[in-house]
């Protein structure tokens, strides 16, 4: 079966499946799901845990032999396969067999990176989904982060004001581990009281995680404040200016190609014509790019 991370704890209380697959690129959520499975396995008596790191040099015969040998330390064993690439290659048949015919004294946990649609349709994944449990982990987007924080606060037996949750989102955007740590710290500072916006402003640092595509998207949407915030974040992280410029030009060209496809009669004879046309089509959206440039020069002049 396929379960969400939220459904996993209830499922574990009903008993252990023969094999689990946890996939995703969000380290905090992947780690928490794997920890829950490990804890349930220990509680069920699977005390002998063996970890296999799957890479190109890994010998699948090692796993095969281990699954058929007796444990020296305990009757029940947990095999943990860490496979960042999500591509078992020659070991796909072994995983499918482990899923369909697991040894009676063994439970398996497979932890991988994100599996795209094609990878998710691989026979070994389908075998795990059919005979065990697949827990695909998806990132929490910005719109859902306030709700995620409120749920986390409830787990800590503390209330959080909506404005406070939004402030945390703005400061730790995309970094769930930082958000979790800040929430735990705030719950202690609140001393039993609801977490307020004022408390957040006084205690939370800026731990946001940025990429150049977020900057291009914010600029394209005309959100100058967010674009400038992301730009400063990229600067603090040491991102090369040429990479930032590439992302902005990519967005500009994409807008031009979209408009050209809708208007085949359009003819742009020069770069200035291209920029002029984009300016006319998207209006105030791209005026903010010049604003960002001026703000950046101003910050640099002041030593920012």
C-alpha atoms as a PDB file:
ATOM      1  CA  UNK A   1       0.000   0.000   0.000  1.00  0.00           C
ATOM      2  CA  UNK A   2       0.961   3.641  -0.358  1.00  0.00           C
ATOM      3  CA  UNK A   3       0.753   5.863   2.720  1.00  0.00           C
ATOM      4  CA  UNK A   4       1.458   9.501   3.444  1.00  0.00           C
ATOM      5  CA  UNK A   5       3.845  10.459   6.229  1.00  0.00           C
ATOM      6  CA  UNK A   6       0.828  11.481   8.322  1.00  0.00           C
ATOM      7  CA  UNK A   7      -0.808   8.054   7.909  1.00  0.00           C
ATOM      8  CA  UNK A   8       2.316   6.069   8.758  1.00  0.00           C
ATOM      9  CA  UNK A   9       2.199   6.276  12.611  1.00  0.00           C
ATOM     10  CA  UNK A  10      -1.348   4.877  12.785  1.00  0.00           C
ATOM     11  CA  UNK A  11      -0.410   2.086  10.376  1.00  0.00           C
ATOM     12  CA  UNK A  12       2.594   1.122  12.519  1.00  0.00           C
ATOM     13  CA  UNK A  13       0.383   0.641  15.574  1.00  0.00           C
ATOM     14  CA  UNK A  14      -1.468  -2.084  13.680  1.00  0.00           C
ATOM     15  CA  UNK A  15       1.658  -4.129  13.038  1.00  0.00           C
ATOM     16  CA  UNK A  16       4.762  -4.183  10.864  1.00  0.00           C
ATOM     17  CA  UNK A  17       4.750  -4.829   7.138  1.00  0.00           C
ATOM     18  CA  UNK A  18       7.453  -7.037   5.653  1.00  0.00           C
ATOM     19  CA  UNK A  19       9.109  -4.180   3.784  1.00  0.00           C
ATOM     20  CA  UNK A  20       8.943  -0.373   3.759  1.00  0.00           C
ATOM     21  CA  UNK A  21      10.091   2.100   1.136  1.00  0.00           C
ATOM     22  CA  UNK A  22      10.578   5.735   2.216  1.00  0.00           C
ATOM     23  CA  UNK A  23      11.436   8.062  -0.669  1.00  0.00           C
ATOM     24  CA  UNK A  24      11.907  11.811  -0.938  1.00  0.00           C
ATOM     25  CA  UNK A  25      14.284  14.769  -0.936  1.00  0.00           C
ATOM     26  CA  UNK A  26      13.138  16.434   2.302  1.00  0.00           C
ATOM     27  CA  UNK A  27      15.713  15.202   4.879  1.00  0.00           C
ATOM     28  CA  UNK A  28      13.678  16.051   7.980  1.00  0.00           C
ATOM     29  CA  UNK A  29      10.488  14.268   6.904  1.00  0.00           C
ATOM     30  CA  UNK A  30      12.317  11.288   5.397  1.00  0.00           C
ATOM     31  CA  UNK A  31      14.352  10.920   8.584  1.00  0.00           C
ATOM     32  CA  UNK A  32      11.292  11.122  10.815  1.00  0.00           C
ATOM     33  CA  UNK A  33       9.410   8.488   8.791  1.00  0.00           C
ATOM     34  CA  UNK A  34      12.422   6.158   8.890  1.00  0.00           C
ATOM     35  CA  UNK A  35      12.835   6.752  12.643  1.00  0.00           C
ATOM     36  CA  UNK A  36       9.203   5.818  13.241  1.00  0.00           C
ATOM     37  CA  UNK A  37       9.671   2.540  11.365  1.00  0.00           C
ATOM     38  CA  UNK A  38      12.893   1.753  13.249  1.00  0.00           C
ATOM     39  CA  UNK A  39      11.196   2.434  16.598  1.00  0.00           C
ATOM     40  CA  UNK A  40       8.254   0.199  15.715  1.00  0.00           C
ATOM     41  CA  UNK A  41      10.652  -2.547  14.634  1.00  0.00           C
ATOM     42  CA  UNK A  42      12.566  -2.358  17.926  1.00  0.00           C
ATOM     43  CA  UNK A  43       9.306  -2.484  19.876  1.00  0.00           C
ATOM     44  CA  UNK A  44       8.324  -5.601  17.938  1.00  0.00           C
ATOM     45  CA  UNK A  45      11.580  -7.340  18.813  1.00  0.00           C
ATOM     46  CA  UNK A  46      13.624  -6.641  15.668  1.00  0.00           C
ATOM     47  CA  UNK A  47      16.672  -5.647  17.677  1.00  0.00           C
ATOM     48  CA  UNK A  48      19.400  -6.714  15.241  1.00  0.00           C
ATOM     49  CA  UNK A  49      19.664  -3.858  12.742  1.00  0.00           C
ATOM     50  CA  UNK A  50      21.997  -4.094   9.765  1.00  0.00           C
ATOM     51  CA  UNK A  51      22.577  -1.196   7.369  1.00  0.00           C
ATOM     52  CA  UNK A  52      23.516  -1.625   3.695  1.00  0.00           C
ATOM     53  CA  UNK A  53      24.761   1.339   1.647  1.00  0.00           C
ATOM     54  CA  UNK A  54      23.709   0.797  -1.946  1.00  0.00           C
ATOM     55  CA  UNK A  55      26.009   2.247  -4.596  1.00  0.00           C
ATOM     56  CA  UNK A  56      27.550   1.003  -7.831  1.00  0.00           C
ATOM     57  CA  UNK A  57      30.132  -1.081  -6.020  1.00  0.00           C
ATOM     58  CA  UNK A  58      27.604  -2.811  -3.776  1.00  0.00           C
ATOM     59  CA  UNK A  59      27.377  -6.586  -4.085  1.00  0.00           C
ATOM     60  CA  UNK A  60      23.751  -7.707  -4.032  1.00  0.00           C
ATOM     61  CA  UNK A  61      24.935 -11.216  -3.208  1.00  0.00           C
ATOM     62  CA  UNK A  62      25.863  -9.834   0.212  1.00  0.00           C
ATOM     63  CA  UNK A  63      22.248  -8.898   0.852  1.00  0.00           C
ATOM     64  CA  UNK A  64      21.031 -12.220  -0.544  1.00  0.00           C
ATOM     65  CA  UNK A  65      23.334 -14.222   1.729  1.00  0.00           C
ATOM     66  CA  UNK A  66      22.491 -12.083   4.756  1.00  0.00           C
ATOM     67  CA  UNK A  67      18.765 -12.603   4.248  1.00  0.00           C
ATOM     68  CA  UNK A  68      19.260 -16.388   4.344  1.00  0.00           C
ATOM     69  CA  UNK A  69      21.717 -16.591   7.224  1.00  0.00           C
ATOM     70  CA  UNK A  70      20.788 -16.720  10.892  1.00  0.00           C
ATOM     71  CA  UNK A  71      21.419 -13.753  13.167  1.00  0.00           C
ATOM     72  CA  UNK A  72      24.093 -14.182  15.824  1.00  0.00           C
ATOM     73  CA  UNK A  73      22.482 -11.669  18.184  1.00  0.00           C
ATOM     74  CA  UNK A  74      18.705 -11.918  17.877  1.00  0.00           C
ATOM     75  CA  UNK A  75      15.995 -13.910  16.190  1.00  0.00           C
ATOM     76  CA  UNK A  76      14.450 -10.912  14.456  1.00  0.00           C
ATOM     77  CA  UNK A  77      16.407  -8.583  12.198  1.00  0.00           C
ATOM     78  CA  UNK A  78      15.861  -5.243  10.480  1.00  0.00           C
ATOM     79  CA  UNK A  79      17.682  -4.718   7.181  1.00  0.00           C
ATOM     80  CA  UNK A  80      18.047  -1.061   6.244  1.00  0.00           C
ATOM     81  CA  UNK A  81      18.996  -0.284   2.655  1.00  0.00           C
ATOM     82  CA  UNK A  82      20.133   3.278   2.010  1.00  0.00           C
ATOM     83  CA  UNK A  83      19.941   3.964  -1.705  1.00  0.00           C
ATOM     84  CA  UNK A  84      20.176   7.730  -2.440  1.00  0.00           C
ATOM     85  CA  UNK A  85      19.919   7.340  -6.210  1.00  0.00           C
ATOM     86  CA  UNK A  86      16.743   5.269  -6.100  1.00  0.00           C
ATOM     87  CA  UNK A  87      18.215   3.012  -8.806  1.00  0.00           C
ATOM     88  CA  UNK A  88      19.036  -0.524  -7.669  1.00  0.00           C
ATOM     89  CA  UNK A  89      20.076  -1.550 -11.210  1.00  0.00           C
ATOM     90  CA  UNK A  90      20.965  -5.266 -10.988  1.00  0.00           C
ATOM     91  CA  UNK A  91      19.488  -5.448  -7.496  1.00  0.00           C
ATOM     92  CA  UNK A  92      15.943  -4.666  -8.617  1.00  0.00           C
ATOM     93  CA  UNK A  93      15.079  -8.381  -8.784  1.00  0.00           C
ATOM     94  CA  UNK A  94      16.449  -8.918  -5.255  1.00  0.00           C
ATOM     95  CA  UNK A  95      14.267  -6.112  -3.879  1.00  0.00           C
ATOM     96  CA  UNK A  96      11.203  -7.472  -5.642  1.00  0.00           C
ATOM     97  CA  UNK A  97      11.905 -10.904  -4.140  1.00  0.00           C
ATOM     98  CA  UNK A  98      12.397  -9.447  -0.658  1.00  0.00           C
ATOM     99  CA  UNK A  99       9.029  -7.746  -1.010  1.00  0.00           C
ATOM    100  CA  UNK A 100       7.117 -10.786  -2.287  1.00  0.00           C
ATOM    101  CA  UNK A 101       8.937 -13.483  -0.285  1.00  0.00           C
ATOM    102  CA  UNK A 102      10.466 -11.893   2.830  1.00  0.00           C
ATOM    103  CA  UNK A 103      12.406 -14.146   5.219  1.00  0.00           C
ATOM    104  CA  UNK A 104      10.264 -14.854   8.292  1.00  0.00           C
ATOM    105  CA  UNK A 105      12.717 -13.254  10.735  1.00  0.00           C
ATOM    106  CA  UNK A 106      13.517 -10.149   8.644  1.00  0.00           C
ATOM    107  CA  UNK A 107      11.860  -6.789   8.086  1.00  0.00           C
ATOM    108  CA  UNK A 108      13.279  -4.376   5.492  1.00  0.00           C
ATOM    109  CA  UNK A 109      13.474  -0.594   5.313  1.00  0.00           C
ATOM    110  CA  UNK A 110      14.561   0.971   2.000  1.00  0.00           C
ATOM    111  CA  UNK A 111      15.379   4.701   2.084  1.00  0.00           C
ATOM    112  CA  UNK A 112      15.880   6.515  -1.223  1.00  0.00           C
ATOM    113  CA  UNK A 113      15.867   9.967  -2.731  1.00  0.00           C
ATOM    114  CA  UNK A 114      12.882  11.274  -4.646  1.00  0.00           C
ATOM    115  CA  UNK A 115      11.361   8.815  -7.121  1.00  0.00           C
ATOM    116  CA  UNK A 116       9.876  10.459 -10.208  1.00  0.00           C
ATOM    117  CA  UNK A 117       6.870   9.034 -12.060  1.00  0.00           C
ATOM    118  CA  UNK A 118       8.967   6.680 -14.181  1.00  0.00           C
ATOM    119  CA  UNK A 119      10.974   5.373 -11.242  1.00  0.00           C
ATOM    120  CA  UNK A 120       7.778   4.936  -9.234  1.00  0.00           C
ATOM    121  CA  UNK A 121       6.480   2.545 -11.882  1.00  0.00           C
ATOM    122  CA  UNK A 122       9.527   0.251 -11.706  1.00  0.00           C
ATOM    123  CA  UNK A 123       8.661  -3.406 -10.923  1.00  0.00           C
ATOM    124  CA  UNK A 124      10.593  -3.394  -7.630  1.00  0.00           C
ATOM    125  CA  UNK A 125       8.678  -0.321  -6.407  1.00  0.00           C
ATOM    126  CA  UNK A 126       5.375  -1.862  -7.477  1.00  0.00           C
ATOM    127  CA  UNK A 127       6.307  -5.056  -5.620  1.00  0.00           C
ATOM    128  CA  UNK A 128       6.964  -3.118  -2.408  1.00  0.00           C
ATOM    129  CA  UNK A 129       3.736  -1.169  -2.818  1.00  0.00           C
ATOM    130  CA  UNK A 130       1.801  -4.419  -3.336  1.00  0.00           C
ATOM    131  CA  UNK A 131       3.331  -6.513  -0.554  1.00  0.00           C
ATOM    132  CA  UNK A 132       4.595  -3.810   1.832  1.00  0.00           C
ATOM    133  CA  UNK A 133       4.312  -0.059   2.353  1.00  0.00           C
ATOM    134  CA  UNK A 134       5.597   2.822   0.230  1.00  0.00           C
ATOM    135  CA  UNK A 135       5.809   6.213   1.939  1.00  0.00           C
ATOM    136  CA  UNK A 136       6.588   8.914  -0.661  1.00  0.00           C
ATOM    137  CA  UNK A 137       7.645  12.141   1.047  1.00  0.00           C
ATOM    138  CA  UNK A 138       6.828  15.428  -0.683  1.00  0.00           C
ATOM    139  CA  UNK A 139       8.187  18.878   0.187  1.00  0.00           C
ATOM    140  CA  UNK A 140       5.912  21.246   2.100  1.00  0.00           C
ATOM    141  CA  UNK A 141       5.284  24.292  -0.080  1.00  0.00           C
ATOM    142  CA  UNK A 142       5.135  27.834   1.279  1.00  0.00           C
ATOM    143  CA  UNK A 143       1.332  27.974   1.273  1.00  0.00           C
ATOM    144  CA  UNK A 144       1.101  24.857   3.448  1.00  0.00           C
ATOM    145  CA  UNK A 145       3.919  25.759   5.847  1.00  0.00           C
ATOM    146  CA  UNK A 146       1.793  27.773   8.321  1.00  0.00           C
ATOM    147  CA  UNK A 147      -0.531  24.783   8.758  1.00  0.00           C
ATOM    148  CA  UNK A 148       2.467  22.473   9.093  1.00  0.00           C
ATOM    149  CA  UNK A 149       3.859  24.728  11.838  1.00  0.00           C
ATOM    150  CA  UNK A 150       0.528  24.808  13.680  1.00  0.00           C
ATOM    151  CA  UNK A 151       0.381  20.997  13.604  1.00  0.00           C
ATOM    152  CA  UNK A 152       3.946  20.817  14.925  1.00  0.00           C
ATOM    153  CA  UNK A 153       3.135  23.323  17.658  1.00  0.00           C
ATOM    154  CA  UNK A 154       0.164  21.187  18.696  1.00  0.00           C
ATOM    155  CA  UNK A 155       2.504  18.193  19.030  1.00  0.00           C
ATOM    156  CA  UNK A 156       4.583  20.337  21.418  1.00  0.00           C
ATOM    157  CA  UNK A 157       1.423  21.269  23.395  1.00  0.00           C
ATOM    158  CA  UNK A 158       1.746  24.950  22.549  1.00  0.00           C
ATOM    159  CA  UNK A 159      -0.410  27.368  20.554  1.00  0.00           C
ATOM    160  CA  UNK A 160       0.972  29.656  17.861  1.00  0.00           C
ATOM    161  CA  UNK A 161      -0.653  32.811  16.523  1.00  0.00           C
ATOM    162  CA  UNK A 162      -1.252  32.892  12.737  1.00  0.00           C
ATOM    163  CA  UNK A 163       0.964  35.977  12.370  1.00  0.00           C
ATOM    164  CA  UNK A 164       3.744  34.217  14.252  1.00  0.00           C
ATOM    165  CA  UNK A 165       3.518  31.171  11.996  1.00  0.00           C
ATOM    166  CA  UNK A 166       3.689  33.389   8.907  1.00  0.00           C
ATOM    167  CA  UNK A 167       6.775  35.182  10.228  1.00  0.00           C
ATOM    168  CA  UNK A 168       8.558  31.865  10.752  1.00  0.00           C
ATOM    169  CA  UNK A 169       7.635  30.837   7.209  1.00  0.00           C
ATOM    170  CA  UNK A 170       9.150  34.018   5.797  1.00  0.00           C
ATOM    171  CA  UNK A 171      12.392  33.527   7.694  1.00  0.00           C
ATOM    172  CA  UNK A 172      12.977  29.791   7.221  1.00  0.00           C
ATOM    173  CA  UNK A 173      11.341  29.340   3.822  1.00  0.00           C
ATOM    174  CA  UNK A 174      11.976  25.865   2.472  1.00  0.00           C
ATOM    175  CA  UNK A 175      14.119  24.782   5.418  1.00  0.00           C
ATOM    176  CA  UNK A 176      11.928  22.470   7.495  1.00  0.00           C
ATOM    177  CA  UNK A 177      14.725  21.464   9.838  1.00  0.00           C
ATOM    178  CA  UNK A 178      15.336  25.114  10.744  1.00  0.00           C
ATOM    179  CA  UNK A 179      11.582  25.625  11.182  1.00  0.00           C
ATOM    180  CA  UNK A 180      11.362  22.635  13.529  1.00  0.00           C
ATOM    181  CA  UNK A 181      14.327  23.819  15.583  1.00  0.00           C
ATOM    182  CA  UNK A 182      13.000  27.364  15.831  1.00  0.00           C
ATOM    183  CA  UNK A 183       9.568  26.116  16.882  1.00  0.00           C
ATOM    184  CA  UNK A 184      11.080  23.948  19.602  1.00  0.00           C
ATOM    185  CA  UNK A 185      13.106  26.915  20.855  1.00  0.00           C
ATOM    186  CA  UNK A 186      10.079  29.223  20.775  1.00  0.00           C
ATOM    187  CA  UNK A 187       7.963  26.722  22.680  1.00  0.00           C
ATOM    188  CA  UNK A 188      10.493  26.888  25.528  1.00  0.00           C
ATOM    189  CA  UNK A 189      10.718  30.682  25.417  1.00  0.00           C
ATOM    190  CA  UNK A 190       6.928  31.016  25.424  1.00  0.00           C
ATOM    191  CA  UNK A 191       6.844  29.326  28.844  1.00  0.00           C
ATOM    192  CA  UNK A 192       3.366  27.906  28.387  1.00  0.00           C
ATOM    193  CA  UNK A 193       1.932  30.956  26.626  1.00  0.00           C
ATOM    194  CA  UNK A 194       0.948  31.056  22.929  1.00  0.00           C
ATOM    195  CA  UNK A 195       3.814  31.878  20.571  1.00  0.00           C
ATOM    196  CA  UNK A 196       3.289  35.475  19.454  1.00  0.00           C
ATOM    197  CA  UNK A 197       4.590  37.451  16.488  1.00  0.00           C
ATOM    198  CA  UNK A 198       6.592  39.646  18.860  1.00  0.00           C
ATOM    199  CA  UNK A 199       8.358  36.610  20.319  1.00  0.00           C
ATOM    200  CA  UNK A 200       9.234  35.393  16.824  1.00  0.00           C
ATOM    201  CA  UNK A 201      10.640  38.785  15.815  1.00  0.00           C
ATOM    202  CA  UNK A 202      12.863  38.809  18.872  1.00  0.00           C
ATOM    203  CA  UNK A 203      14.220  35.305  18.534  1.00  0.00           C
ATOM    204  CA  UNK A 204      14.092  33.830  15.036  1.00  0.00           C
ATOM    205  CA  UNK A 205      17.046  34.180  12.680  1.00  0.00           C
ATOM    206  CA  UNK A 206      16.848  34.155   8.894  1.00  0.00           C
ATOM    207  CA  UNK A 207      17.470  30.504   7.904  1.00  0.00           C
ATOM    208  CA  UNK A 208      15.812  30.546   4.496  1.00  0.00           C
ATOM    209  CA  UNK A 209      17.035  28.293   1.722  1.00  0.00           C
ATOM    210  CA  UNK A 210      17.006  29.912  -1.717  1.00  0.00           C
ATOM    211  CA  UNK A 211      17.675  29.100  -5.324  1.00  0.00           C
ATOM    212  CA  UNK A 212      17.910  31.251  -8.447  1.00  0.00           C
ATOM    213  CA  UNK A 213      14.583  29.972  -9.783  1.00  0.00           C
ATOM    214  CA  UNK A 214      12.766  31.404  -6.765  1.00  0.00           C
ATOM    215  CA  UNK A 215      14.265  34.783  -7.630  1.00  0.00           C
ATOM    216  CA  UNK A 216      13.184  34.536 -11.263  1.00  0.00           C
ATOM    217  CA  UNK A 217       9.666  33.489 -10.262  1.00  0.00           C
ATOM    218  CA  UNK A 218       9.284  36.334  -7.783  1.00  0.00           C
ATOM    219  CA  UNK A 219      10.532  38.849 -10.368  1.00  0.00           C
ATOM    220  CA  UNK A 220       8.165  37.476 -13.018  1.00  0.00           C
ATOM    221  CA  UNK A 221       5.243  37.791 -10.599  1.00  0.00           C
ATOM    222  CA  UNK A 222       6.130  41.402  -9.840  1.00  0.00           C
ATOM    223  CA  UNK A 223       6.815  40.655  -6.160  1.00  0.00           C
ATOM    224  CA  UNK A 224       9.695  43.075  -5.658  1.00  0.00           C
ATOM    225  CA  UNK A 225       9.904  42.660  -1.874  1.00  0.00           C
ATOM    226  CA  UNK A 226      10.235  38.878  -2.063  1.00  0.00           C
ATOM    227  CA  UNK A 227      12.603  39.049  -5.030  1.00  0.00           C
ATOM    228  CA  UNK A 228      14.905  41.428  -3.170  1.00  0.00           C
ATOM    229  CA  UNK A 229      14.751  39.220  -0.064  1.00  0.00           C
ATOM    230  CA  UNK A 230      15.712  36.155  -2.122  1.00  0.00           C
ATOM    231  CA  UNK A 231      18.444  38.128  -3.895  1.00  0.00           C
ATOM    232  CA  UNK A 232      20.043  39.098  -0.592  1.00  0.00           C
ATOM    233  CA  UNK A 233      19.798  35.477   0.533  1.00  0.00           C
ATOM    234  CA  UNK A 234      21.559  34.283  -2.616  1.00  0.00           C
ATOM    235  CA  UNK A 235      24.267  36.870  -2.072  1.00  0.00           C
ATOM    236  CA  UNK A 236      24.831  35.728   1.510  1.00  0.00           C
ATOM    237  CA  UNK A 237      25.108  32.120   0.288  1.00  0.00           C
ATOM    238  CA  UNK A 238      27.786  33.098  -2.230  1.00  0.00           C
ATOM    239  CA  UNK A 239      25.814  32.273  -5.381  1.00  0.00           C
ATOM    240  CA  UNK A 240      27.639  33.394  -8.523  1.00  0.00           C
ATOM    241  CA  UNK A 241      26.099  36.530 -10.115  1.00  0.00           C
ATOM    242  CA  UNK A 242      26.329  34.907 -13.560  1.00  0.00           C
ATOM    243  CA  UNK A 243      24.010  32.129 -12.389  1.00  0.00           C
ATOM    244  CA  UNK A 244      21.512  34.687 -11.085  1.00  0.00           C
ATOM    245  CA  UNK A 245      21.635  36.584 -14.386  1.00  0.00           C
ATOM    246  CA  UNK A 246      21.123  33.335 -16.315  1.00  0.00           C
ATOM    247  CA  UNK A 247      17.955  32.544 -14.333  1.00  0.00           C
ATOM    248  CA  UNK A 248      16.521  36.027 -14.927  1.00  0.00           C
ATOM    249  CA  UNK A 249      17.286  35.945 -18.652  1.00  0.00           C
ATOM    250  CA  UNK A 250      15.774  32.460 -18.864  1.00  0.00           C
ATOM    251  CA  UNK A 251      12.541  33.820 -17.408  1.00  0.00           C
ATOM    252  CA  UNK A 252      12.615  36.763 -19.823  1.00  0.00           C
ATOM    253  CA  UNK A 253      13.106  34.503 -22.817  1.00  0.00           C
ATOM    254  CA  UNK A 254      10.379  32.172 -21.605  1.00  0.00           C
ATOM    255  CA  UNK A 255       7.939  35.059 -21.450  1.00  0.00           C
ATOM    256  CA  UNK A 256       8.920  36.145 -24.932  1.00  0.00           C
ATOM    257  CA  UNK A 257       8.553  32.652 -26.405  1.00  0.00           C
ATOM    258  CA  UNK A 258       5.135  32.246 -24.818  1.00  0.00           C
ATOM    259  CA  UNK A 259       3.903  35.504 -26.286  1.00  0.00           C
ATOM    260  CA  UNK A 260       5.431  34.713 -29.668  1.00  0.00           C
ATOM    261  CA  UNK A 261       3.587  31.400 -29.713  1.00  0.00           C
ATOM    262  CA  UNK A 262       0.306  33.222 -29.066  1.00  0.00           C
ATOM    263  CA  UNK A 263       1.108  35.852 -31.685  1.00  0.00           C
ATOM    264  CA  UNK A 264       2.925  34.242 -34.662  1.00  0.00           C
ATOM    265  CA  UNK A 265       2.910  37.537 -36.558  1.00  0.00           C
ATOM    266  CA  UNK A 266       5.145  39.150 -33.977  1.00  0.00           C
ATOM    267  CA  UNK A 267       8.571  40.208 -35.277  1.00  0.00           C
ATOM    268  CA  UNK A 268      11.348  41.299 -32.961  1.00  0.00           C
ATOM    269  CA  UNK A 269      14.329  42.700 -34.820  1.00  0.00           C
ATOM    270  CA  UNK A 270      16.673  43.396 -31.904  1.00  0.00           C
ATOM    271  CA  UNK A 271      17.325  42.815 -28.223  1.00  0.00           C
ATOM    272  CA  UNK A 272      15.848  46.212 -27.449  1.00  0.00           C
ATOM    273  CA  UNK A 273      12.670  45.222 -29.296  1.00  0.00           C
ATOM    274  CA  UNK A 274      12.511  42.024 -27.218  1.00  0.00           C
ATOM    275  CA  UNK A 275      12.810  43.851 -23.924  1.00  0.00           C
ATOM    276  CA  UNK A 276      10.383  46.552 -25.034  1.00  0.00           C
ATOM    277  CA  UNK A 277       7.790  43.960 -26.027  1.00  0.00           C
ATOM    278  CA  UNK A 278       8.131  42.006 -22.780  1.00  0.00           C
ATOM    279  CA  UNK A 279       7.794  45.265 -20.891  1.00  0.00           C
ATOM    280  CA  UNK A 280       4.553  46.016 -22.721  1.00  0.00           C
ATOM    281  CA  UNK A 281       3.141  42.503 -22.304  1.00  0.00           C
ATOM    282  CA  UNK A 282       3.896  41.984 -18.648  1.00  0.00           C
ATOM    283  CA  UNK A 283       3.662  45.612 -17.605  1.00  0.00           C
ATOM    284  CA  UNK A 284       4.764  46.313 -14.092  1.00  0.00           C
ATOM    285  CA  UNK A 285       6.147  42.815 -13.515  1.00  0.00           C
ATOM    286  CA  UNK A 286       9.458  43.527 -15.211  1.00  0.00           C
ATOM    287  CA  UNK A 287       9.722  47.102 -14.056  1.00  0.00           C
ATOM    288  CA  UNK A 288      10.626  45.586 -10.727  1.00  0.00           C
ATOM    289  CA  UNK A 289      13.797  44.087 -12.229  1.00  0.00           C
ATOM    290  CA  UNK A 290      15.248  47.576 -12.597  1.00  0.00           C
ATOM    291  CA  UNK A 291      14.110  48.341  -9.070  1.00  0.00           C
ATOM    292  CA  UNK A 292      15.940  45.266  -7.807  1.00  0.00           C
ATOM    293  CA  UNK A 293      19.107  46.316  -9.593  1.00  0.00           C
ATOM    294  CA  UNK A 294      18.974  49.777  -8.008  1.00  0.00           C
ATOM    295  CA  UNK A 295      18.314  48.303  -4.573  1.00  0.00           C
ATOM    296  CA  UNK A 296      21.250  45.935  -4.985  1.00  0.00           C
ATOM    297  CA  UNK A 297      23.614  48.759  -5.981  1.00  0.00           C
ATOM    298  CA  UNK A 298      22.373  50.801  -3.046  1.00  0.00           C
ATOM    299  CA  UNK A 299      22.992  47.935  -0.629  1.00  0.00           C
ATOM    300  CA  UNK A 300      26.488  47.397  -2.055  1.00  0.00           C
ATOM    301  CA  UNK A 301      27.314  51.093  -1.700  1.00  0.00           C
ATOM    302  CA  UNK A 302      26.351  50.905   1.965  1.00  0.00           C
ATOM    303  CA  UNK A 303      28.476  47.829   2.497  1.00  0.00           C
ATOM    304  CA  UNK A 304      25.486  45.432   2.633  1.00  0.00           C
END
